[in-house]
Amino acid sequence: MLLPLRDDALSEVVGFVLILGVIVVALSLYQVYGVPAAGRENEIAHMNQVKDRFVDYKISLDSLWVNNRSGVLLSTAFDLGTGAAATGGGAFALPILSPAGSGGTVSVTEGGANLTVTAQNGEEISTPIQDLPLGNLTYRSSNNYWVDQTWTYQMGAVFLSQDGGATVRVGPSIAVARAGENTTLTIAPIRLEGSDMIAGSGPVRVETRMRWGNSSSVEAYDRVNLTIEADNPMTARAWERAFGEVRQRAMDENVTWLPKPELLDGNKARLTIRPEAAGDRKVILTVYQANYTVTIHNAASLVE
């Protein structure tokens, strides 16, 4: 006698295939939407950490010349990228479900921009500082899910560049204030020396030593011009904005007669400081010069 045909085994196969399809669709959706979102959050957090390191770096370098601590070594460590998962310890920690780690490049160069300070007394023009190379410390990101950013420290200022534009995150070491009938101008021409670069995603250590710092020199002039000659128009525009912030802070100090900063020849930014009116009123220029040597080293991330 023939036994009746049954579909139990076929139903189980179809059900398994359907469940497998649902799992594949869910994993695909997470890989398409969830992984980039997690990677973007990681890279945004890392960019904030880089910003904090550059702000700390500016404060630390200022503290050295303010306290005249020549020879003191300043060491700053930070990660170049977010890195990637090294192990998969959990049952569901699949490499394909983790965002790819980002990287970056940190470099120090002696060029980038030159500072010139010209002063005028009557018909006599002098140059207290001429073509001083400022140097810069720069970090360039290599992000996979977030917009790439470039952070630059130069003469006490911290700049952020991205998508063809630049903004000032921390103002330079320049201050303008009112002192009775006169105007005071205090600048700290900080110069970085060194030529080094490291790229990757691991930790690095930036070591900075103040070689020398001059005591303040004070002179009185009828007019003073600060000119930054940059190596590209973007840096020049960034310094124009930085000079604009100096002018805005001066207005808070009741110095309301300064002209707006100028952008000259595409790669020069100039700020003019002059007294409120002609006569015996002067611009009191105070200069604190400091010279730093910067080196970059790899930092161990694992001790075996």
C-alpha atoms as a PDB file:
ATOM      1  CA  MET A   1       0.000   0.000   0.000  1.00  0.00           C
ATOM      2  CA  LEU A   2       1.378   3.417  -0.977  1.00  0.00           C
ATOM      3  CA  LEU A   3       1.979   5.947   1.833  1.00  0.00           C
ATOM      4  CA  PRO A   4       0.564   9.473   1.380  1.00  0.00           C
ATOM      5  CA  LEU A   5       3.066  12.211   0.446  1.00  0.00           C
ATOM      6  CA  ARG A   6       3.973  14.742   3.239  1.00  0.00           C
ATOM      7  CA  ASP A   7       5.405  18.307   2.978  1.00  0.00           C
ATOM      8  CA  ASP A   8       6.859  18.607   6.503  1.00  0.00           C
ATOM      9  CA  ALA A   9      10.528  18.509   5.426  1.00  0.00           C
ATOM     10  CA  LEU A  10       9.940  20.963   2.569  1.00  0.00           C
ATOM     11  CA  SER A  11       8.207  23.402   4.918  1.00  0.00           C
ATOM     12  CA  GLU A  12      11.173  23.357   7.292  1.00  0.00           C
ATOM     13  CA  VAL A  13      13.587  24.108   4.440  1.00  0.00           C
ATOM     14  CA  VAL A  14      11.449  26.991   3.192  1.00  0.00           C
ATOM     15  CA  GLY A  15      11.150  28.407   6.705  1.00  0.00           C
ATOM     16  CA  PHE A  16      14.921  28.214   7.226  1.00  0.00           C
ATOM     17  CA  VAL A  17      15.560  29.978   3.924  1.00  0.00           C
ATOM     18  CA  LEU A  18      13.090  32.735   4.841  1.00  0.00           C
ATOM     19  CA  ILE A  19      14.707  33.252   8.253  1.00  0.00           C
ATOM     20  CA  LEU A  20      18.152  33.332   6.646  1.00  0.00           C
ATOM     21  CA  GLY A  21      16.914  35.916   4.148  1.00  0.00           C
ATOM     22  CA  VAL A  22      15.538  38.107   6.937  1.00  0.00           C
ATOM     23  CA  ILE A  23      18.889  37.919   8.771  1.00  0.00           C
ATOM     24  CA  VAL A  24      20.819  38.818   5.613  1.00  0.00           C
ATOM     25  CA  VAL A  25      18.514  41.787   4.934  1.00  0.00           C
ATOM     26  CA  ALA A  26      18.869  43.013   8.532  1.00  0.00           C
ATOM     27  CA  LEU A  27      22.662  42.725   8.431  1.00  0.00           C
ATOM     28  CA  SER A  28      22.769  44.488   5.063  1.00  0.00           C
ATOM     29  CA  LEU A  29      20.647  47.375   6.341  1.00  0.00           C
ATOM     30  CA  TYR A  30      22.874  47.723   9.410  1.00  0.00           C
ATOM     31  CA  GLN A  31      25.997  47.688   7.245  1.00  0.00           C
ATOM     32  CA  VAL A  32      24.557  50.335   4.938  1.00  0.00           C
ATOM     33  CA  TYR A  33      23.117  52.662   7.599  1.00  0.00           C
ATOM     34  CA  GLY A  34      24.333  51.625  11.051  1.00  0.00           C
ATOM     35  CA  VAL A  35      28.058  51.197  10.334  1.00  0.00           C
ATOM     36  CA  PRO A  36      28.492  54.640   8.674  1.00  0.00           C
ATOM     37  CA  ALA A  37      26.542  56.277  11.528  1.00  0.00           C
ATOM     38  CA  ALA A  38      28.799  54.640  14.128  1.00  0.00           C
ATOM     39  CA  GLY A  39      31.905  55.561  12.123  1.00  0.00           C
ATOM     40  CA  ARG A  40      30.724  59.164  11.789  1.00  0.00           C
ATOM     41  CA  GLU A  41      30.189  59.439  15.548  1.00  0.00           C
ATOM     42  CA  ASN A  42      33.664  58.029  16.217  1.00  0.00           C
ATOM     43  CA  GLU A  43      35.318  60.467  13.818  1.00  0.00           C
ATOM     44  CA  ILE A  44      33.401  63.478  15.167  1.00  0.00           C
ATOM     45  CA  ALA A  45      34.488  62.548  18.689  1.00  0.00           C
ATOM     46  CA  HIS A  46      38.083  62.146  17.487  1.00  0.00           C
ATOM     47  CA  MET A  47      38.055  65.564  15.771  1.00  0.00           C
ATOM     48  CA  ASN A  48      36.857  67.102  19.046  1.00  0.00           C
ATOM     49  CA  GLN A  49      39.764  65.416  20.815  1.00  0.00           C
ATOM     50  CA  VAL A  50      42.198  66.848  18.250  1.00  0.00           C
ATOM     51  CA  LYS A  51      40.693  70.304  18.808  1.00  0.00           C
ATOM     52  CA  ASP A  52      41.197  69.960  22.570  1.00  0.00           C
ATOM     53  CA  ARG A  53      44.825  68.904  22.048  1.00  0.00           C
ATOM     54  CA  PHE A  54      45.577  71.947  19.885  1.00  0.00           C
ATOM     55  CA  VAL A  55      43.936  74.293  22.390  1.00  0.00           C
ATOM     56  CA  ASP A  56      45.960  72.695  25.198  1.00  0.00           C
ATOM     57  CA  TYR A  57      49.088  73.001  23.047  1.00  0.00           C
ATOM     58  CA  LYS A  58      48.503  76.740  22.568  1.00  0.00           C
ATOM     59  CA  ILE A  59      47.975  77.280  26.307  1.00  0.00           C
ATOM     60  CA  SER A  60      51.088  75.257  27.185  1.00  0.00           C
ATOM     61  CA  LEU A  61      53.357  77.142  24.760  1.00  0.00           C
ATOM     62  CA  ASP A  62      52.053  80.465  26.041  1.00  0.00           C
ATOM     63  CA  SER A  63      52.789  79.415  29.614  1.00  0.00           C
ATOM     64  CA  LEU A  64      56.431  78.729  28.709  1.00  0.00           C
ATOM     65  CA  TRP A  65      57.208  82.175  27.288  1.00  0.00           C
ATOM     66  CA  VAL A  66      55.088  83.938  29.901  1.00  0.00           C
ATOM     67  CA  ASN A  67      57.144  82.296  32.651  1.00  0.00           C
ATOM     68  CA  ASN A  68      60.416  82.392  30.641  1.00  0.00           C
ATOM     69  CA  ARG A  69      60.958  78.636  30.979  1.00  0.00           C
ATOM     70  CA  SER A  70      63.715  78.083  28.422  1.00  0.00           C
ATOM     71  CA  GLY A  71      64.823  74.466  28.039  1.00  0.00           C
ATOM     72  CA  VAL A  72      61.655  72.952  29.504  1.00  0.00           C
ATOM     73  CA  LEU A  73      60.346  70.036  27.421  1.00  0.00           C
ATOM     74  CA  LEU A  74      56.630  69.970  26.699  1.00  0.00           C
ATOM     75  CA  SER A  75      55.239  66.602  25.543  1.00  0.00           C
ATOM     76  CA  THR A  76      51.785  66.293  23.962  1.00  0.00           C
ATOM     77  CA  ALA A  77      50.283  62.941  22.899  1.00  0.00           C
ATOM     78  CA  PHE A  78      47.201  62.229  20.809  1.00  0.00           C
ATOM     79  CA  ASP A  79      45.855  59.629  18.386  1.00  0.00           C
ATOM     80  CA  LEU A  80      46.121  60.200  14.644  1.00  0.00           C
ATOM     81  CA  GLY A  81      42.899  58.279  13.936  1.00  0.00           C
ATOM     82  CA  THR A  82      40.037  56.315  15.435  1.00  0.00           C
ATOM     83  CA  GLY A  83      41.792  53.003  14.756  1.00  0.00           C
ATOM     84  CA  ALA A  84      39.973  49.747  14.012  1.00  0.00           C
ATOM     85  CA  ALA A  85      38.813  46.815  16.079  1.00  0.00           C
ATOM     86  CA  ALA A  86      41.783  44.605  16.959  1.00  0.00           C
ATOM     87  CA  THR A  87      39.827  41.581  18.157  1.00  0.00           C
ATOM     88  CA  GLY A  88      36.360  40.135  17.850  1.00  0.00           C
ATOM     89  CA  GLY A  89      35.675  38.840  21.335  1.00  0.00           C
ATOM     90  CA  GLY A  90      31.893  38.723  21.154  1.00  0.00           C
ATOM     91  CA  ALA A  91      29.725  36.307  19.269  1.00  0.00           C
ATOM     92  CA  PHE A  92      28.186  39.111  17.220  1.00  0.00           C
ATOM     93  CA  ALA A  93      31.305  41.293  16.853  1.00  0.00           C
ATOM     94  CA  LEU A  94      31.847  40.731  13.140  1.00  0.00           C
ATOM     95  CA  PRO A  95      34.526  42.811  11.377  1.00  0.00           C
ATOM     96  CA  ILE A  96      32.122  43.681   8.568  1.00  0.00           C
ATOM     97  CA  LEU A  97      29.775  45.252  11.111  1.00  0.00           C
ATOM     98  CA  SER A  98      32.442  47.577  12.562  1.00  0.00           C
ATOM     99  CA  PRO A  99      33.308  50.950  10.994  1.00  0.00           C
ATOM    100  CA  ALA A 100      36.690  51.256   9.321  1.00  0.00           C
ATOM    101  CA  GLY A 101      39.245  53.164  11.352  1.00  0.00           C
ATOM    102  CA  SER A 102      40.351  56.605  10.205  1.00  0.00           C
ATOM    103  CA  GLY A 103      43.876  57.985  10.077  1.00  0.00           C
ATOM    104  CA  GLY A 104      45.725  61.241   9.869  1.00  0.00           C
ATOM    105  CA  THR A 105      49.016  63.049   9.380  1.00  0.00           C
ATOM    106  CA  VAL A 106      50.771  65.341  11.832  1.00  0.00           C
ATOM    107  CA  SER A 107      53.626  67.531  10.619  1.00  0.00           C
ATOM    108  CA  VAL A 108      55.762  70.451  11.677  1.00  0.00           C
ATOM    109  CA  THR A 109      57.320  72.858   9.169  1.00  0.00           C
ATOM    110  CA  GLU A 110      59.370  76.009   9.533  1.00  0.00           C
ATOM    111  CA  GLY A 111      57.553  77.895   6.760  1.00  0.00           C
ATOM    112  CA  GLY A 112      53.908  78.586   6.135  1.00  0.00           C
ATOM    113  CA  ALA A 113      53.888  82.315   6.932  1.00  0.00           C
ATOM    114  CA  ASN A 114      56.238  85.217   7.662  1.00  0.00           C
ATOM    115  CA  LEU A 115      55.613  88.077  10.072  1.00  0.00           C
ATOM    116  CA  THR A 116      56.755  91.633   9.374  1.00  0.00           C
ATOM    117  CA  VAL A 117      56.233  94.498  11.805  1.00  0.00           C
ATOM    118  CA  THR A 118      56.791  98.005  10.436  1.00  0.00           C
ATOM    119  CA  ALA A 119      56.592 101.127  12.569  1.00  0.00           C
ATOM    120  CA  GLN A 120      56.469 104.806  11.720  1.00  0.00           C
ATOM    121  CA  ASN A 121      57.565 107.899  13.653  1.00  0.00           C
ATOM    122  CA  GLY A 122      56.959 111.014  11.604  1.00  0.00           C
ATOM    123  CA  GLU A 123      58.643 110.408   8.269  1.00  0.00           C
ATOM    124  CA  GLU A 124      60.949 107.734   9.667  1.00  0.00           C
ATOM    125  CA  ILE A 125      59.966 104.089   9.045  1.00  0.00           C
ATOM    126  CA  SER A 126      61.607 101.227  10.930  1.00  0.00           C
ATOM    127  CA  THR A 127      61.143  97.457  10.885  1.00  0.00           C
ATOM    128  CA  PRO A 128      61.290  95.921  14.374  1.00  0.00           C
ATOM    129  CA  ILE A 129      60.557  92.480  12.871  1.00  0.00           C
ATOM    130  CA  GLN A 130      61.196  91.585   9.239  1.00  0.00           C
ATOM    131  CA  ASP A 131      60.206  88.354   7.466  1.00  0.00           C
ATOM    132  CA  LEU A 132      60.172  86.222  10.607  1.00  0.00           C
ATOM    133  CA  PRO A 133      59.217  82.639   9.614  1.00  0.00           C
ATOM    134  CA  LEU A 134      56.554  81.515  12.055  1.00  0.00           C
ATOM    135  CA  GLY A 135      56.408  77.797  11.282  1.00  0.00           C
ATOM    136  CA  ASN A 136      53.360  75.694  12.082  1.00  0.00           C
ATOM    137  CA  LEU A 137      52.163  72.437  13.595  1.00  0.00           C
ATOM    138  CA  THR A 138      49.483  70.817  11.435  1.00  0.00           C
ATOM    139  CA  TYR A 139      47.171  67.811  11.681  1.00  0.00           C
ATOM    140  CA  ARG A 140      45.346  66.565   8.570  1.00  0.00           C
ATOM    141  CA  SER A 141      42.663  63.920   8.971  1.00  0.00           C
ATOM    142  CA  SER A 142      41.908  60.996   6.642  1.00  0.00           C
ATOM    143  CA  ASN A 143      38.312  60.323   7.621  1.00  0.00           C
ATOM    144  CA  ASN A 144      36.066  57.726   6.013  1.00  0.00           C
ATOM    145  CA  TYR A 145      32.639  58.912   7.209  1.00  0.00           C
ATOM    146  CA  TRP A 146      33.099  62.573   8.245  1.00  0.00           C
ATOM    147  CA  VAL A 147      34.420  65.651   6.466  1.00  0.00           C
ATOM    148  CA  ASP A 148      38.218  65.903   6.486  1.00  0.00           C
ATOM    149  CA  GLN A 149      39.661  68.644   8.657  1.00  0.00           C
ATOM    150  CA  THR A 150      43.018  70.367   8.999  1.00  0.00           C
ATOM    151  CA  TRP A 151      44.054  71.858  12.335  1.00  0.00           C
ATOM    152  CA  THR A 152      46.967  74.308  12.386  1.00  0.00           C
ATOM    153  CA  TYR A 153      48.814  76.036  15.214  1.00  0.00           C
ATOM    154  CA  GLN A 154      50.698  79.165  14.173  1.00  0.00           C
ATOM    155  CA  MET A 155      51.939  82.076  16.321  1.00  0.00           C
ATOM    156  CA  GLY A 156      49.521  81.352  19.117  1.00  0.00           C
ATOM    157  CA  ALA A 157      46.512  80.967  16.821  1.00  0.00           C
ATOM    158  CA  VAL A 158      44.629  77.751  16.053  1.00  0.00           C
ATOM    159  CA  PHE A 159      42.965  77.495  12.636  1.00  0.00           C
ATOM    160  CA  LEU A 160      40.461  74.962  11.321  1.00  0.00           C
ATOM    161  CA  SER A 161      40.373  74.377   7.542  1.00  0.00           C
ATOM    162  CA  GLN A 162      37.903  72.247   5.606  1.00  0.00           C
ATOM    163  CA  ASP A 163      36.144  72.263   2.237  1.00  0.00           C
ATOM    164  CA  GLY A 164      38.253  75.118   0.900  1.00  0.00           C
ATOM    165  CA  GLY A 165      37.556  77.445   3.835  1.00  0.00           C
ATOM    166  CA  ALA A 166      39.288  78.305   7.106  1.00  0.00           C
ATOM    167  CA  THR A 167      38.166  79.718  10.425  1.00  0.00           C
ATOM    168  CA  VAL A 168      39.843  80.856  13.635  1.00  0.00           C
ATOM    169  CA  ARG A 169      39.236  78.611  16.635  1.00  0.00           C
ATOM    170  CA  VAL A 170      41.722  80.333  18.983  1.00  0.00           C
ATOM    171  CA  GLY A 171      42.983  83.874  18.460  1.00  0.00           C
ATOM    172  CA  PRO A 172      46.693  84.767  18.076  1.00  0.00           C
ATOM    173  CA  SER A 173      48.903  86.200  20.805  1.00  0.00           C
ATOM    174  CA  ILE A 174      48.127  89.812  19.865  1.00  0.00           C
ATOM    175  CA  ALA A 175      46.380  92.330  22.118  1.00  0.00           C
ATOM    176  CA  VAL A 176      45.378  95.957  21.576  1.00  0.00           C
ATOM    177  CA  ALA A 177      44.133  98.118  24.428  1.00  0.00           C
ATOM    178  CA  ARG A 178      43.796 101.724  25.503  1.00  0.00           C
ATOM    179  CA  ALA A 179      46.212 103.289  28.008  1.00  0.00           C
ATOM    180  CA  GLY A 180      45.105 106.830  28.726  1.00  0.00           C
ATOM    181  CA  GLU A 181      45.564 108.818  25.534  1.00  0.00           C
ATOM    182  CA  ASN A 182      47.809 106.159  23.989  1.00  0.00           C
ATOM    183  CA  THR A 183      47.176 102.741  22.446  1.00  0.00           C
ATOM    184  CA  THR A 184      49.078  99.655  23.551  1.00  0.00           C
ATOM    185  CA  LEU A 185      49.972  96.803  21.188  1.00  0.00           C
ATOM    186  CA  THR A 186      51.370  93.594  22.678  1.00  0.00           C
ATOM    187  CA  ILE A 187      52.484  90.754  20.397  1.00  0.00           C
ATOM    188  CA  ALA A 188      54.274  87.456  20.946  1.00  0.00           C
ATOM    189  CA  PRO A 189      56.016  86.365  17.711  1.00  0.00           C
ATOM    190  CA  ILE A 190      56.197  82.636  18.449  1.00  0.00           C
ATOM    191  CA  ARG A 191      58.409  80.739  16.013  1.00  0.00           C
ATOM    192  CA  LEU A 192      58.336  76.951  15.551  1.00  0.00           C
ATOM    193  CA  GLU A 193      61.420  75.218  14.154  1.00  0.00           C
ATOM    194  CA  GLY A 194      61.502  71.651  12.904  1.00  0.00           C
ATOM    195  CA  SER A 195      60.769  69.494   9.908  1.00  0.00           C
ATOM    196  CA  ASP A 196      59.030  66.205  10.636  1.00  0.00           C
ATOM    197  CA  MET A 197      55.924  64.245   9.658  1.00  0.00           C
ATOM    198  CA  ILE A 198      54.192  61.043  10.777  1.00  0.00           C
ATOM    199  CA  ALA A 199      51.129  59.479   9.144  1.00  0.00           C
ATOM    200  CA  GLY A 200      49.004  56.577  10.353  1.00  0.00           C
ATOM    201  CA  SER A 201      46.245  55.848  12.840  1.00  0.00           C
ATOM    202  CA  GLY A 202      48.140  55.191  16.063  1.00  0.00           C
ATOM    203  CA  PRO A 203      49.271  57.514  18.851  1.00  0.00           C
ATOM    204  CA  VAL A 204      52.028  60.086  18.366  1.00  0.00           C
ATOM    205  CA  ARG A 205      53.978  62.308  20.735  1.00  0.00           C
ATOM    206  CA  VAL A 206      54.771  65.926  19.900  1.00  0.00           C
ATOM    207  CA  GLU A 207      57.727  67.231  21.909  1.00  0.00           C
ATOM    208  CA  THR A 208      58.324  70.976  22.091  1.00  0.00           C
ATOM    209  CA  ARG A 209      61.201  72.789  23.772  1.00  0.00           C
ATOM    210  CA  MET A 210      61.523  76.547  24.148  1.00  0.00           C
ATOM    211  CA  ARG A 211      65.089  77.339  23.095  1.00  0.00           C
ATOM    212  CA  TRP A 212      65.023  80.993  24.059  1.00  0.00           C
ATOM    213  CA  GLY A 213      62.647  83.783  24.867  1.00  0.00           C
ATOM    214  CA  ASN A 214      63.502  87.475  24.797  1.00  0.00           C
ATOM    215  CA  SER A 215      62.372  89.772  27.551  1.00  0.00           C
ATOM    216  CA  SER A 216      59.860  92.350  26.483  1.00  0.00           C
ATOM    217  CA  SER A 217      60.977  95.340  24.438  1.00  0.00           C
ATOM    218  CA  VAL A 218      58.875  98.509  24.604  1.00  0.00           C
ATOM    219  CA  GLU A 219      58.882 101.293  22.006  1.00  0.00           C
ATOM    220  CA  ALA A 220      56.537 104.178  21.134  1.00  0.00           C
ATOM    221  CA  TYR A 221      55.472 104.873  17.545  1.00  0.00           C
ATOM    222  CA  ASP A 222      52.982 106.948  15.595  1.00  0.00           C
ATOM    223  CA  ARG A 223      51.711 103.898  13.701  1.00  0.00           C
ATOM    224  CA  VAL A 224      52.424 100.148  13.565  1.00  0.00           C
ATOM    225  CA  ASN A 225      51.592  97.666  10.790  1.00  0.00           C
ATOM    226  CA  LEU A 226      51.426  93.902  11.296  1.00  0.00           C
ATOM    227  CA  THR A 227      51.739  91.952   8.033  1.00  0.00           C
ATOM    228  CA  ILE A 228      51.466  88.190   7.608  1.00  0.00           C
ATOM    229  CA  GLU A 229      52.722  86.878   4.272  1.00  0.00           C
ATOM    230  CA  ALA A 230      51.293  83.378   3.840  1.00  0.00           C
ATOM    231  CA  ASP A 231      52.179  80.653   1.366  1.00  0.00           C
ATOM    232  CA  ASN A 232      48.594  80.353   0.085  1.00  0.00           C
ATOM    233  CA  PRO A 233      45.459  82.536  -0.084  1.00  0.00           C
ATOM    234  CA  MET A 234      43.536  80.329   2.383  1.00  0.00           C
ATOM    235  CA  THR A 235      46.072  80.964   5.153  1.00  0.00           C
ATOM    236  CA  ALA A 236      46.080  84.672   4.333  1.00  0.00           C
ATOM    237  CA  ARG A 237      42.276  84.819   4.625  1.00  0.00           C
ATOM    238  CA  ALA A 238      42.469  82.937   7.925  1.00  0.00           C
ATOM    239  CA  TRP A 239      44.900  85.543   9.265  1.00  0.00           C
ATOM    240  CA  GLU A 240      42.648  88.326   7.999  1.00  0.00           C
ATOM    241  CA  ARG A 241      39.876  86.830  10.132  1.00  0.00           C
ATOM    242  CA  ALA A 242      42.296  86.495  13.065  1.00  0.00           C
ATOM    243  CA  PHE A 243      43.226  90.174  12.735  1.00  0.00           C
ATOM    244  CA  GLY A 244      39.518  90.953  12.620  1.00  0.00           C
ATOM    245  CA  GLU A 245      39.089  89.228  15.983  1.00  0.00           C
ATOM    246  CA  VAL A 246      42.014  91.246  17.374  1.00  0.00           C
ATOM    247  CA  ARG A 247      40.266  94.407  16.201  1.00  0.00           C
ATOM    248  CA  GLN A 248      36.979  93.264  17.764  1.00  0.00           C
ATOM    249  CA  ARG A 249      38.672  92.600  21.113  1.00  0.00           C
ATOM    250  CA  ALA A 250      40.290  96.048  20.870  1.00  0.00           C
ATOM    251  CA  MET A 251      36.841  97.588  20.490  1.00  0.00           C
ATOM    252  CA  ASP A 252      35.874  95.902  23.765  1.00  0.00           C
ATOM    253  CA  GLU A 253      38.859  97.772  25.277  1.00  0.00           C
ATOM    254  CA  ASN A 254      37.473 101.122  24.009  1.00  0.00           C
ATOM    255  CA  VAL A 255      39.813 101.179  20.999  1.00  0.00           C
ATOM    256  CA  THR A 256      37.235 101.969  18.336  1.00  0.00           C
ATOM    257  CA  TRP A 257      39.355 103.786  15.743  1.00  0.00           C
ATOM    258  CA  LEU A 258      41.295 100.898  14.175  1.00  0.00           C
ATOM    259  CA  PRO A 259      40.755 100.316  10.435  1.00  0.00           C
ATOM    260  CA  LYS A 260      39.586  96.933   9.219  1.00  0.00           C
ATOM    261  CA  PRO A 261      42.257  94.350   8.329  1.00  0.00           C
ATOM    262  CA  GLU A 262      43.364  94.299   4.700  1.00  0.00           C
ATOM    263  CA  LEU A 263      43.996  91.406   2.324  1.00  0.00           C
ATOM    264  CA  LEU A 264      46.855  92.355  -0.031  1.00  0.00           C
ATOM    265  CA  ASP A 265      48.019  90.579  -3.189  1.00  0.00           C
ATOM    266  CA  GLY A 266      45.974  87.516  -2.309  1.00  0.00           C
ATOM    267  CA  ASN A 267      48.473  86.074   0.174  1.00  0.00           C
ATOM    268  CA  LYS A 268      49.108  88.951   2.617  1.00  0.00           C
ATOM    269  CA  ALA A 269      47.012  90.062   5.582  1.00  0.00           C
ATOM    270  CA  ARG A 270      47.665  93.395   7.296  1.00  0.00           C
ATOM    271  CA  LEU A 271      46.466  95.014  10.501  1.00  0.00           C
ATOM    272  CA  THR A 272      47.189  98.708  11.149  1.00  0.00           C
ATOM    273  CA  ILE A 273      47.312 100.086  14.689  1.00  0.00           C
ATOM    274  CA  ARG A 274      47.289 103.833  15.109  1.00  0.00           C
ATOM    275  CA  PRO A 275      46.322 106.260  17.884  1.00  0.00           C
ATOM    276  CA  GLU A 276      42.936 107.922  17.988  1.00  0.00           C
ATOM    277  CA  ALA A 277      44.230 111.194  16.576  1.00  0.00           C
ATOM    278  CA  ALA A 278      47.457 112.834  15.480  1.00  0.00           C
ATOM    279  CA  GLY A 279      49.634 114.691  17.929  1.00  0.00           C
ATOM    280  CA  ASP A 280      51.459 113.386  20.965  1.00  0.00           C
ATOM    281  CA  ARG A 281      49.417 110.192  21.139  1.00  0.00           C
ATOM    282  CA  LYS A 282      51.443 107.051  20.501  1.00  0.00           C
ATOM    283  CA  VAL A 283      51.222 103.337  19.909  1.00  0.00           C
ATOM    284  CA  ILE A 284      53.158 101.586  22.681  1.00  0.00           C
ATOM    285  CA  LEU A 285      54.576  98.406  21.112  1.00  0.00           C
ATOM    286  CA  THR A 286      55.579  95.542  23.419  1.00  0.00           C
ATOM    287  CA  VAL A 287      57.188  92.436  21.887  1.00  0.00           C
ATOM    288  CA  TYR A 288      57.801  89.061  23.542  1.00  0.00           C
ATOM    289  CA  GLN A 289      59.739  86.796  21.174  1.00  0.00           C
ATOM    290  CA  ALA A 290      59.993  83.044  21.700  1.00  0.00           C
ATOM    291  CA  ASN A 291      61.637  80.275  19.681  1.00  0.00           C
ATOM    292  CA  TYR A 292      60.583  76.618  19.935  1.00  0.00           C
ATOM    293  CA  THR A 293      61.996  73.393  18.522  1.00  0.00           C
ATOM    294  CA  VAL A 294      59.367  70.739  17.704  1.00  0.00           C
ATOM    295  CA  THR A 295      59.902  67.017  17.081  1.00  0.00           C
ATOM    296  CA  ILE A 296      57.344  64.264  16.426  1.00  0.00           C
ATOM    297  CA  HIS A 297      57.675  60.651  17.601  1.00  0.00           C
ATOM    298  CA  ASN A 298      55.641  57.475  17.462  1.00  0.00           C
ATOM    299  CA  ALA A 299      54.141  56.498  20.805  1.00  0.00           C
ATOM    300  CA  ALA A 300      53.686  52.875  21.883  1.00  0.00           C
ATOM    301  CA  SER A 301      50.061  51.783  22.125  1.00  0.00           C
ATOM    302  CA  LEU A 302      50.754  48.284  23.523  1.00  0.00           C
ATOM    303  CA  VAL A 303      53.329  46.994  26.005  1.00  0.00           C
ATOM    304  CA  GLU A 304      54.211  43.362  25.462  1.00  0.00           C
END
